[in-house]
Amino acid sequence: MEKDITFIPANRSNLAHKLETDKKRMAAYCRVSTDQEDQLSSYEAQVTYYTKFINSHPDYDMAGIFADEGITGTNTKKREQFNRMIKDCKAGKIDMIITKSISRFARNTLDCLNYVRTLKDLGIGVLFEKENINTLDSQGEVLLTILSSLAQDESRSISENATWGIRRRFEQGKVHVNHKKFLGYDKDEQGNLVIDKKQAVTVRRIYDEYLNGKGYRRIAKELEEDKVPKWNDLYNWHPSNIQQILTNEKYKGDALLQKTYTVDFLNKKRAVNDGEVPKYYVKHSHPAIIESDVWEAVQLETIRRKEFAERHGITKVDYSSDKNVLSGKVICGICGKAYRRKSWYNRKTGETRHIWQCSGKYPEKGVVGCESKHVDEEDLKQAFVDRYNEVVENKEEYLERWERIGESDYVWERVMGKRVIEHFRRSREMLEGFDADLFLRVTEKMVVINTDNVDMVLLI
């Protein structure tokens, strides 16, 4: 059977009409990579230029100016305006995009090509003015691949140069700190760190209360309750805030430089420096808020608490953050495990009785382990009051021993000894009732041998 072919001529009048009437919805993308003043003026100039360019062109309708200010171009994750522009493209609101250069659009070759191809599939082209590339042209993608690779290599070179400069400053002991997010410090006109006297009070309080036996959670909670502001004037303290302050060597006037390093210049991923690149420790780089001995004592106290918890089977190291200050402090004299608080409810009287029981008493359901007996909470509190009053009554005898400890070569003993001496020299009154803060300050643990024998072990 012969083929039957019908010729359908083009309707050139319709095509001409379409070309005459259709305008492309043009959007512009602008970006500068830093927030420096000279770069921001370039940013504003780009916005002004493209606004005028699109509005004055007869073939274009304005589809928006998308501009990211002060953001790196090595990836597109944090470029809000860029991502909003792509979203509008997918929604059919944009026909064409114009931008200054490939480096303004993206310095990551993979990102650049992926977005260009995505837009091309949508029938949307990108005009790169500097390189004179239209991605809808047949040769556009080949040239774009080459130039994008060059742009990415330029970004790598800039990153390496910046890293080199930073490390040279580290070698010279030059400390760079974002003081606006650093509680206790400000900067003078020369850019040197100076103590913020008001904020320094908060820093000293945190160190003092930690050495008084309180944990991260308890300190954070009390700071919130007292409406003490953080560096950002907010009151939402978290345990991590307290931990960071207590472990930061800058509070004793030193600085450990290059604690982290950039793993990949493209995604800006940083990692903790565990020896992959050099570190630099600068002593006396700026004024100290905390005495060196006190700072060292805090680090040793953290280690002591962790070892204490492991030794007595306490799962939560920061035991003094519990609602009840006895938690983690009451130790069984038979098996060495920590006591736990239990509440016994009496249905007849409607009263609740709080007792403490060795955590090794019943290791499994129905299995009796430790032979220890439970002890009433009020008996524990009274045992502390009695023991404390005994120390006050015979404090001269204790002070002589503590003074010897206060001269120790071991920093923790020296600092804690002096603190205990200072407290008992001021303290002359006997306790009439249980004092939670005082208990945390002077007590390492309470050892329960049986219900009639509870011994308080002082911190020193």
Protein backbone atom coordinates (compact mmCIF):
# COMPACT_ATOMS: atom_id res chain seq x y z
CA MET A 1 0.00 0.00 0.00
CA GLU A 2 1.37 3.39 -0.98
CA LYS A 3 1.91 6.06 1.68
CA ASP A 4 -0.61 8.90 1.69
CA ILE A 5 1.12 12.17 2.72
CA THR A 6 -0.80 15.38 3.30
CA PHE A 7 1.08 18.70 3.40
CA ILE A 8 -0.13 21.20 6.08
CA PRO A 9 1.33 24.67 5.47
CA ALA A 10 2.45 26.88 8.36
CA ASN A 11 0.18 29.65 9.49
CA ARG A 12 2.80 32.40 9.42
CA SER A 13 0.35 35.09 10.39
CA ASN A 14 -0.36 33.33 13.72
CA LEU A 15 3.38 32.81 14.36
CA ALA A 16 4.15 36.44 13.58
CA HIS A 17 1.32 37.57 15.85
CA LYS A 18 2.62 35.40 18.69
CA LEU A 19 6.18 36.72 18.32
CA GLU A 20 4.89 40.27 18.30
CA THR A 21 2.64 40.01 21.33
CA ASP A 22 4.39 37.55 23.71
CA LYS A 23 6.77 39.07 26.22
CA LYS A 24 9.10 37.08 28.40
CA ARG A 25 8.72 37.40 32.15
CA MET A 26 12.26 38.25 33.13
CA ALA A 27 13.69 37.91 36.67
CA ALA A 28 17.10 39.00 37.89
CA TYR A 29 19.30 37.38 40.52
CA CYS A 30 21.91 39.38 42.45
CA ARG A 31 24.28 38.34 45.21
CA VAL A 32 27.34 39.55 47.07
CA SER A 33 29.39 37.12 49.15
CA THR A 34 30.23 39.34 52.14
CA ASP A 35 28.48 41.92 54.28
CA GLN A 36 31.24 44.51 54.00
CA GLU A 37 30.23 48.05 53.14
CA ASP A 38 31.90 48.14 49.71
CA GLN A 39 30.25 44.86 48.76
CA LEU A 40 26.84 46.08 49.90
CA SER A 41 27.16 49.08 47.60
CA SER A 42 27.82 46.61 44.75
CA TYR A 43 24.73 44.68 45.83
CA GLU A 44 22.56 47.81 45.70
CA ALA A 45 24.02 48.76 42.32
CA GLN A 46 23.11 45.34 40.90
CA VAL A 47 19.51 45.62 42.12
CA THR A 48 19.16 49.14 40.68
CA TYR A 49 20.74 48.15 37.35
CA TYR A 50 18.54 45.09 36.73
CA THR A 51 15.37 46.86 37.80
CA LYS A 52 16.03 49.59 35.24
CA PHE A 53 17.20 47.10 32.59
CA ILE A 54 14.09 44.90 32.71
CA ASN A 55 11.55 47.72 33.03
CA SER A 56 13.04 49.60 30.06
CA HIS A 57 13.28 46.58 27.72
CA PRO A 58 10.30 46.20 25.32
CA ASP A 59 10.55 42.39 25.21
CA TYR A 60 10.52 41.82 28.96
CA ASP A 61 8.01 42.01 31.79
CA MET A 62 9.32 42.31 35.32
CA ALA A 63 9.06 38.98 37.16
CA GLY A 64 11.01 40.08 40.22
CA ILE A 65 14.44 41.00 41.53
CA PHE A 66 15.83 38.26 43.78
CA ALA A 67 18.81 39.35 45.85
CA ASP A 68 20.80 37.57 48.57
CA GLU A 69 22.93 39.84 50.71
CA GLY A 70 26.11 38.79 52.48
CA ILE A 71 25.86 35.04 51.74
CA THR A 72 28.46 32.72 50.25
CA GLY A 73 27.79 31.23 46.84
CA THR A 74 29.50 27.89 47.27
CA ASN A 75 26.16 26.24 47.94
CA THR A 76 22.52 27.23 47.71
CA LYS A 77 21.15 25.87 51.00
CA LYS A 78 21.06 29.22 52.82
CA ARG A 79 20.26 31.47 49.86
CA GLU A 80 16.63 32.25 50.61
CA GLN A 81 15.99 34.57 47.67
CA PHE A 82 17.64 32.17 45.23
CA ASN A 83 15.48 29.30 46.46
CA ARG A 84 12.37 31.48 46.27
CA MET A 85 13.23 32.34 42.65
CA ILE A 86 13.57 28.65 41.74
CA LYS A 87 10.22 27.99 43.41
CA ASP A 88 8.60 30.72 41.27
CA CYS A 89 10.19 29.19 38.16
CA LYS A 90 8.63 25.83 38.95
CA ALA A 91 5.31 27.57 39.55
CA GLY A 92 5.41 29.01 36.00
CA LYS A 93 5.88 32.63 37.05
CA ILE A 94 9.24 33.21 35.30
CA ASP A 95 10.38 32.68 31.69
CA MET A 96 13.95 33.98 31.87
CA ILE A 97 16.61 34.81 34.47
CA ILE A 98 19.42 37.30 34.09
CA THR A 99 22.45 37.46 36.38
CA LYS A 100 25.82 39.17 36.37
CA SER A 101 28.05 36.10 36.14
CA ILE A 102 28.39 32.40 36.89
CA SER A 103 30.18 33.23 40.16
CA ARG A 104 27.16 35.29 41.26
CA PHE A 105 24.76 32.45 40.39
CA ALA A 106 26.83 29.64 41.99
CA ARG A 107 30.48 28.72 42.49
CA ASN A 108 29.66 25.06 42.89
CA THR A 109 29.79 23.39 39.47
CA LEU A 110 27.34 20.63 40.40
CA ASP A 111 24.78 23.06 41.86
CA CYS A 112 25.10 25.37 38.89
CA LEU A 113 24.62 22.69 36.25
CA ASN A 114 21.79 20.98 38.14
CA TYR A 115 19.80 24.19 38.41
CA VAL A 116 20.52 25.22 34.82
CA ARG A 117 19.32 21.83 33.55
CA THR A 118 16.25 21.91 35.79
CA LEU A 119 15.36 25.36 34.48
CA LYS A 120 16.07 24.29 30.89
CA ASP A 121 13.65 21.38 31.24
CA LEU A 122 11.05 23.96 32.28
CA GLY A 123 11.86 26.01 29.18
CA ILE A 124 13.56 28.71 31.27
CA GLY A 125 16.91 30.11 30.24
CA VAL A 126 19.58 31.88 32.25
CA LEU A 127 21.53 34.81 30.79
CA PHE A 128 25.03 35.24 32.20
CA GLU A 129 26.04 38.76 31.18
CA LYS A 130 29.76 38.64 31.87
CA GLU A 131 30.29 35.33 30.03
CA ASN A 132 27.68 36.16 27.34
CA ILE A 133 25.96 32.79 27.76
CA ASN A 134 22.32 31.94 27.13
CA THR A 135 21.68 28.46 28.55
CA LEU A 136 18.96 27.81 25.96
CA ASP A 137 21.55 28.03 23.16
CA SER A 138 22.97 24.74 21.83
CA GLN A 139 26.53 25.61 22.88
CA GLY A 140 25.49 27.12 26.20
CA GLU A 141 25.89 24.08 28.45
CA VAL A 142 29.33 23.08 27.11
CA LEU A 143 30.71 26.54 27.74
CA LEU A 144 28.86 26.76 31.05
CA THR A 145 30.46 23.51 32.31
CA ILE A 146 33.95 24.82 31.60
CA LEU A 147 33.37 28.23 33.15
CA SER A 148 31.55 26.81 36.19
CA SER A 149 34.53 24.57 36.92
CA LEU A 150 36.78 27.61 36.76
CA ALA A 151 34.48 29.50 39.13
CA GLN A 152 34.53 26.59 41.59
CA ASP A 153 38.31 26.43 41.44
CA GLU A 154 38.42 30.17 42.14
CA SER A 155 36.26 29.58 45.23
CA ARG A 156 38.64 26.83 46.40
CA SER A 157 41.60 29.16 45.92
CA ILE A 158 39.90 31.95 47.89
CA SER A 159 39.06 29.50 50.69
CA GLU A 160 42.65 28.23 50.87
CA ASN A 161 44.01 31.77 50.93
CA ALA A 162 41.61 32.72 53.72
CA THR A 163 42.58 29.60 55.70
CA TRP A 164 46.26 30.39 55.22
CA GLY A 165 45.73 33.93 56.51
CA ILE A 166 43.81 32.70 59.55
CA ARG A 167 46.49 30.18 60.48
CA ARG A 168 49.25 32.80 60.14
CA ARG A 169 47.31 34.98 62.59
CA PHE A 170 46.97 31.98 64.91
CA GLU A 171 50.75 31.47 64.79
CA GLN A 172 51.17 35.09 65.86
CA GLY A 173 48.78 34.56 68.77
CA LYS A 174 46.11 36.88 67.38
CA VAL A 175 42.75 35.93 68.88
CA HIS A 176 39.53 36.50 66.96
CA VAL A 177 36.35 36.23 69.04
CA ASN A 178 32.79 37.15 68.20
CA HIS A 179 32.38 39.21 71.37
CA LYS A 180 28.70 39.85 70.67
CA LYS A 181 28.01 36.19 71.42
CA PHE A 182 30.61 35.86 74.16
CA LEU A 183 29.25 36.48 77.65
CA GLY A 184 31.55 38.60 79.80
CA TYR A 185 33.57 40.40 77.14
CA ASP A 186 33.39 43.39 74.82
CA LYS A 187 35.90 44.98 72.44
CA ASP A 188 37.63 48.33 72.67
CA GLU A 189 38.34 50.72 69.78
CA GLN A 190 41.50 48.77 68.86
CA GLY A 191 39.55 45.51 68.66
CA ASN A 192 41.03 44.06 71.86
CA LEU A 193 38.93 42.02 74.27
CA VAL A 194 37.94 43.90 77.42
CA ILE A 195 35.84 42.72 80.35
CA ASP A 196 32.16 43.63 80.43
CA LYS A 197 31.84 44.22 84.18
CA LYS A 198 28.09 43.58 84.32
CA GLN A 199 28.24 40.29 82.39
CA ALA A 200 31.38 39.21 84.24
CA VAL A 201 29.30 39.04 87.43
CA THR A 202 27.17 36.34 85.80
CA VAL A 203 30.24 34.37 84.65
CA ARG A 204 31.74 34.44 88.16
CA ARG A 205 28.40 33.36 89.63
CA ILE A 206 28.28 30.33 87.34
CA TYR A 207 31.79 29.21 88.32
CA ASP A 208 31.09 29.84 92.01
CA GLU A 209 27.83 27.88 92.04
CA TYR A 210 29.36 24.95 90.18
CA LEU A 211 32.08 24.69 92.83
CA ASN A 212 29.30 24.96 95.41
CA GLY A 213 28.04 21.60 94.21
CA LYS A 214 25.35 22.61 91.73
CA GLY A 215 25.04 21.06 88.29
CA TYR A 216 24.42 22.53 84.84
CA ARG A 217 20.63 22.15 84.99
CA ARG A 218 20.26 23.58 88.47
CA ILE A 219 22.43 26.62 87.65
CA ALA A 220 20.53 27.27 84.41
CA LYS A 221 17.17 26.99 86.18
CA GLU A 222 18.18 29.42 88.93
CA LEU A 223 19.53 31.95 86.43
CA GLU A 224 16.19 31.87 84.61
CA GLU A 225 14.29 32.26 87.86
CA ASP A 226 16.44 35.27 88.82
CA LYS A 227 15.94 36.84 85.36
CA VAL A 228 19.67 36.98 84.69
CA PRO A 229 20.21 37.78 80.96
CA LYS A 230 22.49 35.92 78.58
CA TRP A 231 24.73 37.67 76.04
CA ASN A 232 21.65 38.25 73.84
CA ASP A 233 19.58 39.73 76.72
CA LEU A 234 17.32 36.65 76.76
CA TYR A 235 16.69 34.56 79.87
CA ASN A 236 16.33 31.11 78.32
CA TRP A 237 19.34 29.41 79.87
CA HIS A 238 20.14 25.83 78.89
CA PRO A 239 22.52 23.32 80.54
CA SER A 240 24.68 23.46 77.39
CA ASN A 241 25.16 27.22 77.92
CA ILE A 242 26.50 26.57 81.41
CA GLN A 243 28.77 23.76 80.22
CA GLN A 244 30.25 25.90 77.45
CA ILE A 245 31.03 28.73 79.87
CA LEU A 246 32.61 26.38 82.42
CA THR A 247 34.87 24.72 79.84
CA ASN A 248 35.96 27.81 77.87
CA GLU A 249 39.61 28.59 78.63
CA LYS A 250 39.15 32.18 77.45
CA TYR A 251 37.58 33.02 80.81
CA LYS A 252 40.98 32.53 82.48
CA GLY A 253 42.62 34.82 79.92
CA ASP A 254 44.02 32.11 77.62
CA ALA A 255 42.92 31.07 74.15
CA LEU A 256 43.06 27.73 72.34
CA LEU A 257 43.01 28.54 68.64
CA GLN A 258 41.68 26.35 65.84
CA LYS A 259 39.42 24.11 67.91
CA THR A 260 37.53 23.38 64.69
CA TYR A 261 38.44 23.45 61.01
CA THR A 262 36.67 23.52 57.64
CA VAL A 263 36.42 20.04 56.13
CA ASP A 264 34.94 21.04 52.75
CA PHE A 265 35.02 24.52 51.27
CA LEU A 266 31.91 23.80 49.21
CA ASN A 267 29.45 22.94 51.98
CA LYS A 268 31.36 24.85 54.69
CA LYS A 269 31.16 21.79 56.94
CA ARG A 270 33.28 22.14 60.06
CA ALA A 271 34.59 19.44 62.38
CA VAL A 272 36.21 19.30 65.80
CA ASN A 273 39.98 19.43 65.43
CA ASP A 274 41.28 16.20 66.97
CA GLY A 275 44.78 16.72 65.62
CA GLU A 276 44.02 16.87 61.90
CA VAL A 277 45.43 20.43 61.74
CA PRO A 278 47.69 22.33 64.18
CA LYS A 279 46.33 24.04 67.29
CA TYR A 280 47.78 27.07 69.06
CA TYR A 281 47.49 27.83 72.77
CA VAL A 282 47.99 31.46 73.73
CA LYS A 283 48.51 32.29 77.40
CA HIS A 284 47.51 35.68 78.80
CA SER A 285 46.02 36.76 75.48
CA HIS A 286 43.43 39.01 77.16
CA PRO A 287 42.16 39.99 80.64
CA ALA A 288 40.88 37.07 82.74
CA ILE A 289 37.48 36.98 84.46
CA ILE A 290 38.21 33.75 86.34
CA GLU A 291 41.42 32.98 88.24
CA SER A 292 43.49 30.25 86.62
CA ASP A 293 43.35 28.00 89.73
CA VAL A 294 39.57 28.34 89.92
CA TRP A 295 39.17 27.47 86.24
CA GLU A 296 41.41 24.40 86.63
CA ALA A 297 39.51 23.35 89.77
CA VAL A 298 36.24 23.43 87.82
CA GLN A 299 37.68 21.08 85.17
CA LEU A 300 38.92 18.71 87.89
CA GLU A 301 35.57 18.90 89.70
CA THR A 302 33.85 17.82 86.48
CA ILE A 303 36.17 14.80 86.28
CA ARG A 304 35.60 14.02 89.97
CA ARG A 305 31.81 14.06 89.56
CA LYS A 306 31.99 11.78 86.54
CA GLU A 307 34.25 9.28 88.35
CA PHE A 308 32.04 9.46 91.44
CA ALA A 309 28.95 8.68 89.36
CA GLU A 310 30.64 5.73 87.63
CA ARG A 311 31.95 4.36 90.93
CA HIS A 312 28.51 4.35 92.57
CA GLY A 313 26.41 3.34 89.57
CA ILE A 314 24.80 6.75 89.05
CA THR A 315 23.56 7.07 85.47
CA LYS A 316 23.16 10.85 85.53
CA VAL A 317 26.51 12.55 86.16
CA ASP A 318 24.89 15.92 86.78
CA TYR A 319 23.12 14.46 89.80
CA SER A 320 22.75 17.73 91.70
CA SER A 321 20.41 18.99 88.96
CA ASP A 322 17.61 16.81 90.32
CA LYS A 323 14.67 18.33 92.15
CA ASN A 324 15.93 16.66 95.33
CA VAL A 325 19.49 17.64 96.34
CA LEU A 326 20.03 14.27 98.05
CA SER A 327 19.98 12.53 94.66
CA GLY A 328 23.35 10.96 93.93
CA LYS A 329 24.70 11.94 97.35
CA VAL A 330 23.35 9.07 99.50
CA ILE A 331 25.61 6.01 99.17
CA CYS A 332 25.13 2.50 100.55
CA GLY A 333 27.85 1.56 103.04
CA ILE A 334 27.40 -2.14 102.21
CA CYS A 335 27.50 -2.40 98.40
CA GLY A 336 28.58 1.11 97.39
CA LYS A 337 25.57 1.78 95.15
CA ALA A 338 23.62 5.03 95.29
CA TYR A 339 20.32 5.26 97.14
CA ARG A 340 17.15 6.20 95.25
CA ARG A 341 14.15 8.12 96.47
CA LYS A 342 10.80 6.35 96.69
CA SER A 343 7.37 7.60 97.71
CA TRP A 344 5.12 5.38 99.83
CA TYR A 345 1.48 6.37 99.95
CA ASN A 346 -0.63 5.43 102.99
CA ARG A 347 -4.24 4.97 101.91
CA LYS A 348 -5.52 5.05 105.47
CA THR A 349 -3.97 8.39 106.42
CA GLY A 350 -3.72 9.85 102.91
CA GLU A 351 -0.12 10.79 103.63
CA THR A 352 2.94 10.21 101.46
CA ARG A 353 6.17 9.08 103.07
CA HIS A 354 9.49 9.61 101.28
CA ILE A 355 12.16 6.99 101.87
CA TRP A 356 15.55 6.22 100.32
CA GLN A 357 16.50 2.72 99.26
CA CYS A 358 19.73 1.25 97.89
CA SER A 359 19.56 0.82 94.11
CA GLY A 360 21.20 -2.60 94.57
CA LYS A 361 18.48 -3.80 96.96
CA TYR A 362 16.40 -5.42 94.23
CA PRO A 363 18.60 -5.88 91.09
CA GLU A 364 15.77 -7.88 89.48
CA LYS A 365 12.08 -8.31 90.19
CA GLY A 366 11.66 -10.75 93.07
CA VAL A 367 15.42 -10.96 93.68
CA VAL A 368 16.96 -9.52 96.84
CA GLY A 369 20.49 -8.24 96.41
CA CYS A 370 21.95 -5.82 98.94
CA GLU A 371 21.00 -6.40 102.60
CA SER A 372 20.76 -2.68 103.35
CA LYS A 373 17.60 -1.13 104.81
CA HIS A 374 15.68 1.86 103.63
CA VAL A 375 15.97 5.16 105.49
CA ASP A 376 13.48 8.00 105.92
CA GLU A 377 14.26 11.22 104.07
CA GLU A 378 13.77 13.29 107.22
CA ASP A 379 16.34 11.12 109.02
CA LEU A 380 18.88 11.82 106.29
CA LYS A 381 18.28 15.55 106.53
CA GLN A 382 18.57 15.47 110.31
CA ALA A 383 21.81 13.49 110.01
CA PHE A 384 23.25 16.31 107.92
CA VAL A 385 22.12 18.96 110.41
CA ASP A 386 23.68 17.03 113.33
CA ARG A 387 26.96 16.42 111.51
CA TYR A 388 27.22 20.01 110.30
CA ASN A 389 26.58 21.40 113.77
CA GLU A 390 29.25 19.07 115.15
CA VAL A 391 31.76 20.54 112.68
CA VAL A 392 30.80 24.13 113.59
CA GLU A 393 31.15 23.33 117.27
CA ASN A 394 34.64 21.87 116.73
CA LYS A 395 35.64 23.92 113.71
CA GLU A 396 39.07 24.93 115.00
CA GLU A 397 40.10 21.30 114.89
CA TYR A 398 38.85 20.98 111.30
CA LEU A 399 40.24 24.34 110.18
CA GLU A 400 43.77 23.25 111.06
CA ARG A 401 43.46 20.22 108.78
CA TRP A 402 41.78 22.19 105.99
CA GLU A 403 44.51 24.85 106.08
CA ARG A 404 47.08 22.16 105.37
CA ILE A 405 44.93 20.97 102.46
CA GLY A 406 44.63 24.56 101.26
CA GLU A 407 48.41 24.60 100.73
CA SER A 408 48.35 21.44 98.61
CA ASP A 409 50.08 21.23 95.23
CA TYR A 410 46.91 19.69 93.83
CA VAL A 411 44.81 22.55 92.42
CA TRP A 412 41.44 21.05 93.29
CA GLU A 413 42.35 20.51 96.96
CA ARG A 414 43.91 23.96 97.18
CA VAL A 415 40.88 25.76 95.76
CA MET A 416 38.21 23.71 97.53
CA GLY A 417 40.13 23.80 100.82
CA LYS A 418 40.24 27.59 100.76
CA ARG A 419 36.53 27.78 99.97
CA VAL A 420 35.58 25.47 102.86
CA ILE A 421 37.86 27.38 105.25
CA GLU A 422 36.31 30.69 104.21
CA HIS A 423 32.81 29.33 104.76
CA PHE A 424 33.41 27.88 108.23
CA ARG A 425 35.35 30.90 109.42
CA ARG A 426 32.27 33.01 108.70
CA SER A 427 29.82 30.39 109.97
CA ARG A 428 29.16 30.47 113.73
CA GLU A 429 25.47 29.63 113.98
CA MET A 430 24.15 26.13 114.41
CA LEU A 431 21.63 24.82 111.88
CA GLU A 432 18.06 24.44 113.07
CA GLY A 433 16.84 22.80 109.89
CA PHE A 434 18.04 21.33 106.60
CA ASP A 435 19.63 23.79 104.16
CA ALA A 436 19.76 22.44 100.58
CA ASP A 437 22.34 24.92 99.22
CA LEU A 438 24.59 24.39 102.21
CA PHE A 439 24.28 20.63 101.85
CA LEU A 440 25.48 20.80 98.23
CA ARG A 441 28.32 23.15 99.14
CA VAL A 442 30.03 21.09 101.84
CA THR A 443 28.93 17.47 101.30
CA GLU A 444 30.53 14.94 98.99
CA LYS A 445 28.29 12.07 100.10
CA MET A 446 26.29 10.54 102.95
CA VAL A 447 27.14 6.92 103.70
CA VAL A 448 24.35 4.74 105.10
CA ILE A 449 25.54 1.72 107.09
CA ASN A 450 22.13 1.04 108.63
CA THR A 451 19.14 3.08 109.67
CA ASP A 452 20.89 4.13 112.90
CA ASN A 453 24.25 4.99 111.36
CA VAL A 454 24.40 7.70 108.68
CA ASP A 455 27.81 9.35 108.18
CA MET A 456 28.28 12.61 106.27
CA VAL A 457 31.53 12.82 104.29
CA LEU A 458 32.62 16.42 103.76
CA LEU A 459 33.86 17.61 100.37
CA ILE A 460 37.38 18.13 101.75
